Amino acid sequence: MRNLEWKTLKSEYLFKDLWFTVRQDTCERPDGRIVTPYYVYEFPTWVTALALTEDGKVILERQYRHGLGETHYEIPGGCVDDTDASFQDAIARELLEETGYTFSKYEYLGKTSSNPSTNNNWMHMYLATGGKLVKEQALDDNEDIEIHLFTIDELKQLLDNNEIIQSMHVTAIYYALKKLEGKASGK
């Protein structure tokens, strides 16, 4: 297979903020062609989880997303902080903050990218099980999250009805359901 990787010849930051950075690159393709400008959006690493309570209910969040100007269901998650020792610690923290639940088991499902052509970060996906409500939510100032519990069949119906629209969350749910179905069949 031939090498398709580009060389970055020059990078310039156009905008830097806590959650979003825009970088303009000048790149050289393997065939020698120069690509400029090429814009890269830098984001922190993200984590998310399909989270199940002790009795097997799916924890979904309902919240407004200003980019689309719409309110939808999502699974819990957020950014990895510098204080998180691992991705699992990050999702455990996010789950506790956003839902008030702690979990007895976390299974890593892999990672996905929202748009690898322009975004430089990964989202790490988990299946969290054995959830127990231990406290109230501890939301960030800009968060307003409703917690709703659903059965697995209700979750599948929400997917079928296109009521969960965050694409990386749909991907995480797919991998979690696949893992759960494998356990149910003894695989």
C-alpha atoms as a PDB file:
ATOM      1  CA  MET A   1       0.000   0.000   0.000  1.00  0.00           C
ATOM      2  CA  ARG A   2       1.289   3.423  -0.810  1.00  0.00           C
ATOM      3  CA  ASN A   3       1.868   6.100   1.790  1.00  0.00           C
ATOM      4  CA  LEU A   4      -1.010   8.607   1.744  1.00  0.00           C
ATOM      5  CA  GLU A   5       0.124  10.734   4.692  1.00  0.00           C
ATOM      6  CA  TRP A   6       0.665  14.470   4.277  1.00  0.00           C
ATOM      7  CA  LYS A   7       3.602  16.410   5.715  1.00  0.00           C
ATOM      8  CA  THR A   8       2.770  19.549   7.651  1.00  0.00           C
ATOM      9  CA  LEU A   9       5.086  22.302   6.426  1.00  0.00           C
ATOM     10  CA  LYS A  10       3.612  25.171   8.435  1.00  0.00           C
ATOM     11  CA  SER A  11       0.935  25.691  11.103  1.00  0.00           C
ATOM     12  CA  GLU A  12      -0.617  28.901  12.349  1.00  0.00           C
ATOM     13  CA  TYR A  13      -3.231  29.256  15.070  1.00  0.00           C
ATOM     14  CA  LEU A  14      -6.087  31.520  14.019  1.00  0.00           C
ATOM     15  CA  PHE A  15      -8.211  31.137  17.151  1.00  0.00           C
ATOM     16  CA  LYS A  16      -7.589  29.540  20.567  1.00  0.00           C
ATOM     17  CA  ASP A  17     -10.108  29.029  23.333  1.00  0.00           C
ATOM     18  CA  LEU A  18     -10.701  26.520  26.104  1.00  0.00           C
ATOM     19  CA  TRP A  19     -12.911  24.127  24.085  1.00  0.00           C
ATOM     20  CA  PHE A  20     -12.129  25.061  20.484  1.00  0.00           C
ATOM     21  CA  THR A  21      -9.040  25.988  18.501  1.00  0.00           C
ATOM     22  CA  VAL A  22      -8.686  26.651  14.760  1.00  0.00           C
ATOM     23  CA  ARG A  23      -5.377  25.948  13.067  1.00  0.00           C
ATOM     24  CA  GLN A  24      -4.384  26.766   9.474  1.00  0.00           C
ATOM     25  CA  ASP A  25      -1.869  24.326   7.985  1.00  0.00           C
ATOM     26  CA  THR A  26       0.187  24.245   4.814  1.00  0.00           C
ATOM     27  CA  CYS A  27       0.705  20.623   3.820  1.00  0.00           C
ATOM     28  CA  GLU A  28       2.563  18.606   1.208  1.00  0.00           C
ATOM     29  CA  ARG A  29       0.957  15.480  -0.211  1.00  0.00           C
ATOM     30  CA  PRO A  30       3.100  12.435  -1.095  1.00  0.00           C
ATOM     31  CA  ASP A  31       2.893  13.422  -4.788  1.00  0.00           C
ATOM     32  CA  GLY A  32       4.494  16.802  -3.933  1.00  0.00           C
ATOM     33  CA  ARG A  33       1.356  18.912  -4.323  1.00  0.00           C
ATOM     34  CA  ILE A  34       0.926  21.673  -1.747  1.00  0.00           C
ATOM     35  CA  VAL A  35      -2.413  22.017   0.044  1.00  0.00           C
ATOM     36  CA  THR A  36      -2.977  25.429   1.601  1.00  0.00           C
ATOM     37  CA  PRO A  37      -4.805  26.586   3.536  1.00  0.00           C
ATOM     38  CA  TYR A  38      -6.062  23.464   5.313  1.00  0.00           C
ATOM     39  CA  TYR A  39      -8.092  24.178   8.443  1.00  0.00           C
ATOM     40  CA  VAL A  40      -7.985  21.872  11.459  1.00  0.00           C
ATOM     41  CA  TYR A  41     -10.310  22.196  14.436  1.00  0.00           C
ATOM     42  CA  GLU A  42      -8.666  21.157  17.692  1.00  0.00           C
ATOM     43  CA  PHE A  43     -10.898  19.875  20.484  1.00  0.00           C
ATOM     44  CA  PRO A  44     -10.184  18.137  23.793  1.00  0.00           C
ATOM     45  CA  THR A  45     -10.484  14.358  23.997  1.00  0.00           C
ATOM     46  CA  TRP A  46     -14.061  13.269  24.724  1.00  0.00           C
ATOM     47  CA  VAL A  47     -15.593  10.307  26.561  1.00  0.00           C
ATOM     48  CA  THR A  48     -19.114   8.912  26.488  1.00  0.00           C
ATOM     49  CA  ALA A  49     -20.976   5.874  27.832  1.00  0.00           C
ATOM     50  CA  LEU A  50     -24.111   3.887  27.406  1.00  0.00           C
ATOM     51  CA  ALA A  51     -24.955   3.765  31.111  1.00  0.00           C
ATOM     52  CA  LEU A  52     -27.240   1.155  32.672  1.00  0.00           C
ATOM     53  CA  THR A  53     -28.747   1.227  36.151  1.00  0.00           C
ATOM     54  CA  GLU A  54     -28.613  -1.773  38.488  1.00  0.00           C
ATOM     55  CA  ASP A  55     -31.997  -2.874  37.132  1.00  0.00           C
ATOM     56  CA  GLY A  56     -30.894  -2.525  33.496  1.00  0.00           C
ATOM     57  CA  LYS A  57     -32.468   0.831  32.604  1.00  0.00           C
ATOM     58  CA  VAL A  58     -30.661   3.070  30.126  1.00  0.00           C
ATOM     59  CA  ILE A  59     -29.798   6.544  31.437  1.00  0.00           C
ATOM     60  CA  LEU A  60     -30.379   9.187  28.773  1.00  0.00           C
ATOM     61  CA  GLU A  61     -29.966  12.912  28.990  1.00  0.00           C
ATOM     62  CA  ARG A  62     -32.345  15.351  27.372  1.00  0.00           C
ATOM     63  CA  GLN A  63     -30.825  18.737  26.644  1.00  0.00           C
ATOM     64  CA  TYR A  64     -30.880  21.704  24.320  1.00  0.00           C
ATOM     65  CA  ARG A  65     -28.043  21.987  21.799  1.00  0.00           C
ATOM     66  CA  HIS A  66     -27.616  25.526  20.556  1.00  0.00           C
ATOM     67  CA  GLY A  67     -25.645  24.614  17.401  1.00  0.00           C
ATOM     68  CA  LEU A  68     -28.810  23.062  15.961  1.00  0.00           C
ATOM     69  CA  GLY A  69     -31.234  25.002  18.128  1.00  0.00           C
ATOM     70  CA  GLU A  70     -32.943  21.746  19.145  1.00  0.00           C
ATOM     71  CA  THR A  71     -33.527  19.555  22.206  1.00  0.00           C
ATOM     72  CA  HIS A  72     -32.779  15.820  21.933  1.00  0.00           C
ATOM     73  CA  TYR A  73     -31.802  12.721  23.893  1.00  0.00           C
ATOM     74  CA  GLU A  74     -28.124  11.868  24.290  1.00  0.00           C
ATOM     75  CA  ILE A  75     -25.972   9.555  26.349  1.00  0.00           C
ATOM     76  CA  PRO A  76     -23.792  11.064  29.096  1.00  0.00           C
ATOM     77  CA  GLY A  77     -20.266  12.214  28.407  1.00  0.00           C
ATOM     78  CA  GLY A  78     -17.926  15.126  28.072  1.00  0.00           C
ATOM     79  CA  CYS A  79     -14.326  16.284  27.930  1.00  0.00           C
ATOM     80  CA  VAL A  80     -11.353  14.589  29.516  1.00  0.00           C
ATOM     81  CA  ASP A  81      -9.863  16.951  32.107  1.00  0.00           C
ATOM     82  CA  ASP A  82      -6.179  17.313  32.991  1.00  0.00           C
ATOM     83  CA  THR A  83      -7.052  15.974  36.459  1.00  0.00           C
ATOM     84  CA  ASP A  84      -8.453  12.675  35.087  1.00  0.00           C
ATOM     85  CA  ALA A  85      -5.959   9.820  35.534  1.00  0.00           C
ATOM     86  CA  SER A  86      -7.513   7.815  32.670  1.00  0.00           C
ATOM     87  CA  PHE A  87     -10.347   7.831  30.164  1.00  0.00           C
ATOM     88  CA  GLN A  88     -12.297   5.562  32.518  1.00  0.00           C
ATOM     89  CA  ASP A  89     -11.811   8.048  35.354  1.00  0.00           C
ATOM     90  CA  ALA A  90     -13.042  10.793  33.024  1.00  0.00           C
ATOM     91  CA  ILE A  91     -16.258   8.979  32.108  1.00  0.00           C
ATOM     92  CA  ALA A  92     -16.865   8.018  35.762  1.00  0.00           C
ATOM     93  CA  ARG A  93     -16.525  11.703  36.722  1.00  0.00           C
ATOM     94  CA  GLU A  94     -18.791  12.861  33.878  1.00  0.00           C
ATOM     95  CA  LEU A  95     -21.436  10.253  34.746  1.00  0.00           C
ATOM     96  CA  LEU A  96     -21.453  11.281  38.404  1.00  0.00           C
ATOM     97  CA  GLU A  97     -21.589  15.010  37.589  1.00  0.00           C
ATOM     98  CA  GLU A  98     -24.265  14.777  34.899  1.00  0.00           C
ATOM     99  CA  THR A  99     -26.458  11.948  36.241  1.00  0.00           C
ATOM    100  CA  GLY A 100     -25.660  11.490  39.938  1.00  0.00           C
ATOM    101  CA  TYR A 101     -24.957   7.778  39.348  1.00  0.00           C
ATOM    102  CA  THR A 102     -21.890   5.672  40.103  1.00  0.00           C
ATOM    103  CA  PHE A 103     -21.264   2.384  38.294  1.00  0.00           C
ATOM    104  CA  SER A 104     -19.818  -0.960  39.335  1.00  0.00           C
ATOM    105  CA  LYS A 105     -18.323  -1.846  35.943  1.00  0.00           C
ATOM    106  CA  TYR A 106     -16.901  -0.025  32.914  1.00  0.00           C
ATOM    107  CA  GLU A 107     -16.097  -1.755  29.640  1.00  0.00           C
ATOM    108  CA  TYR A 108     -14.083   0.035  26.977  1.00  0.00           C
ATOM    109  CA  LEU A 109     -15.756  -0.108  23.550  1.00  0.00           C
ATOM    110  CA  GLY A 110     -13.156   1.697  21.444  1.00  0.00           C
ATOM    111  CA  LYS A 111     -12.807   5.164  20.023  1.00  0.00           C
ATOM    112  CA  THR A 112     -14.390   7.131  17.204  1.00  0.00           C
ATOM    113  CA  SER A 113     -13.858  10.468  15.473  1.00  0.00           C
ATOM    114  CA  SER A 114     -16.604  12.947  14.674  1.00  0.00           C
ATOM    115  CA  ASN A 115     -14.921  14.137  11.478  1.00  0.00           C
ATOM    116  CA  PRO A 116     -11.312  13.071  10.871  1.00  0.00           C
ATOM    117  CA  SER A 117     -10.963  15.350   7.861  1.00  0.00           C
ATOM    118  CA  THR A 118     -11.051  18.467  10.060  1.00  0.00           C
ATOM    119  CA  ASN A 119     -11.239  17.475  13.755  1.00  0.00           C
ATOM    120  CA  ASN A 120      -8.129  16.278  15.573  1.00  0.00           C
ATOM    121  CA  ASN A 121      -9.699  14.560  18.599  1.00  0.00           C
ATOM    122  CA  TRP A 122     -11.126  11.194  19.603  1.00  0.00           C
ATOM    123  CA  MET A 123     -14.171  10.146  21.608  1.00  0.00           C
ATOM    124  CA  HIS A 124     -13.584   7.100  23.815  1.00  0.00           C
ATOM    125  CA  MET A 125     -16.691   4.947  24.294  1.00  0.00           C
ATOM    126  CA  TYR A 126     -17.741   2.875  27.307  1.00  0.00           C
ATOM    127  CA  LEU A 127     -20.485   0.598  28.522  1.00  0.00           C
ATOM    128  CA  ALA A 128     -21.133   1.414  32.191  1.00  0.00           C
ATOM    129  CA  THR A 129     -23.268  -1.052  34.160  1.00  0.00           C
ATOM    130  CA  GLY A 130     -24.550  -1.436  37.703  1.00  0.00           C
ATOM    131  CA  GLY A 131     -25.530   2.215  38.053  1.00  0.00           C
ATOM    132  CA  LYS A 132     -26.688   3.401  41.443  1.00  0.00           C
ATOM    133  CA  LEU A 133     -28.059   6.883  42.135  1.00  0.00           C
ATOM    134  CA  VAL A 134     -25.894   8.359  44.911  1.00  0.00           C
ATOM    135  CA  LYS A 135     -26.329  12.135  44.668  1.00  0.00           C
ATOM    136  CA  GLU A 136     -27.875  15.018  42.777  1.00  0.00           C
ATOM    137  CA  GLN A 137     -26.421  16.298  39.528  1.00  0.00           C
ATOM    138  CA  ALA A 138     -23.463  18.708  39.749  1.00  0.00           C
ATOM    139  CA  LEU A 139     -23.826  20.499  36.418  1.00  0.00           C
ATOM    140  CA  ASP A 140     -21.583  23.114  34.840  1.00  0.00           C
ATOM    141  CA  ASP A 141     -22.987  26.639  34.643  1.00  0.00           C
ATOM    142  CA  ASN A 142     -24.040  26.233  30.998  1.00  0.00           C
ATOM    143  CA  GLU A 143     -25.615  22.766  31.444  1.00  0.00           C
ATOM    144  CA  ASP A 144     -29.332  22.123  31.869  1.00  0.00           C
ATOM    145  CA  ILE A 145     -29.802  18.354  31.656  1.00  0.00           C
ATOM    146  CA  GLU A 146     -32.908  16.263  32.318  1.00  0.00           C
ATOM    147  CA  ILE A 147     -32.299  12.599  33.196  1.00  0.00           C
ATOM    148  CA  HIS A 148     -34.646   9.961  31.749  1.00  0.00           C
ATOM    149  CA  LEU A 149     -34.614   6.179  32.176  1.00  0.00           C
ATOM    150  CA  PHE A 150     -35.548   3.853  29.317  1.00  0.00           C
ATOM    151  CA  THR A 151     -35.586   0.126  28.658  1.00  0.00           C
ATOM    152  CA  ILE A 152     -33.250  -1.274  26.010  1.00  0.00           C
ATOM    153  CA  ASP A 153     -36.257  -1.779  23.708  1.00  0.00           C
ATOM    154  CA  GLU A 154     -37.320   1.845  24.225  1.00  0.00           C
ATOM    155  CA  LEU A 155     -33.748   2.938  23.426  1.00  0.00           C
ATOM    156  CA  LYS A 156     -33.851   0.946  20.187  1.00  0.00           C
ATOM    157  CA  GLN A 157     -37.173   2.612  19.320  1.00  0.00           C
ATOM    158  CA  LEU A 158     -35.655   6.060  19.915  1.00  0.00           C
ATOM    159  CA  LEU A 159     -32.864   5.112  17.499  1.00  0.00           C
ATOM    160  CA  ASP A 160     -35.359   3.806  14.938  1.00  0.00           C
ATOM    161  CA  ASN A 161     -37.315   7.069  15.204  1.00  0.00           C
ATOM    162  CA  ASN A 162     -34.115   9.148  14.728  1.00  0.00           C
ATOM    163  CA  GLU A 163     -34.652  10.758  18.142  1.00  0.00           C
ATOM    164  CA  ILE A 164     -30.979  10.376  19.109  1.00  0.00           C
ATOM    165  CA  ILE A 165     -29.165  12.518  16.566  1.00  0.00           C
ATOM    166  CA  GLN A 166     -25.662  12.957  18.012  1.00  0.00           C
ATOM    167  CA  SER A 167     -23.762  10.719  15.584  1.00  0.00           C
ATOM    168  CA  MET A 168     -20.947   9.721  17.938  1.00  0.00           C
ATOM    169  CA  HIS A 169     -23.499   8.806  20.596  1.00  0.00           C
ATOM    170  CA  VAL A 170     -25.360   6.638  18.081  1.00  0.00           C
ATOM    171  CA  THR A 171     -22.039   4.945  17.309  1.00  0.00           C
ATOM    172  CA  ALA A 172     -21.344   4.334  21.013  1.00  0.00           C
ATOM    173  CA  ILE A 173     -24.850   2.958  21.506  1.00  0.00           C
ATOM    174  CA  TYR A 174     -24.332   0.588  18.563  1.00  0.00           C
ATOM    175  CA  TYR A 175     -21.126  -0.826  20.065  1.00  0.00           C
ATOM    176  CA  ALA A 176     -22.682  -1.087  23.543  1.00  0.00           C
ATOM    177  CA  LEU A 177     -25.769  -2.901  22.229  1.00  0.00           C
ATOM    178  CA  LYS A 178     -23.514  -5.257  20.287  1.00  0.00           C
ATOM    179  CA  LYS A 179     -21.557  -5.985  23.498  1.00  0.00           C
ATOM    180  CA  LEU A 180     -24.772  -6.536  25.476  1.00  0.00           C
ATOM    181  CA  GLU A 181     -26.228  -8.836  22.811  1.00  0.00           C
ATOM    182  CA  GLY A 182     -22.991 -10.849  22.814  1.00  0.00           C
ATOM    183  CA  LYS A 183     -23.286 -11.321  26.577  1.00  0.00           C
ATOM    184  CA  ALA A 184     -26.920 -12.345  26.290  1.00  0.00           C
ATOM    185  CA  SER A 185     -26.046 -15.011  23.721  1.00  0.00           C
ATOM    186  CA  GLY A 186     -23.047 -16.202  25.753  1.00  0.00           C
ATOM    187  CA  LYS A 187     -20.408 -14.878  23.339  1.00  0.00           C
END
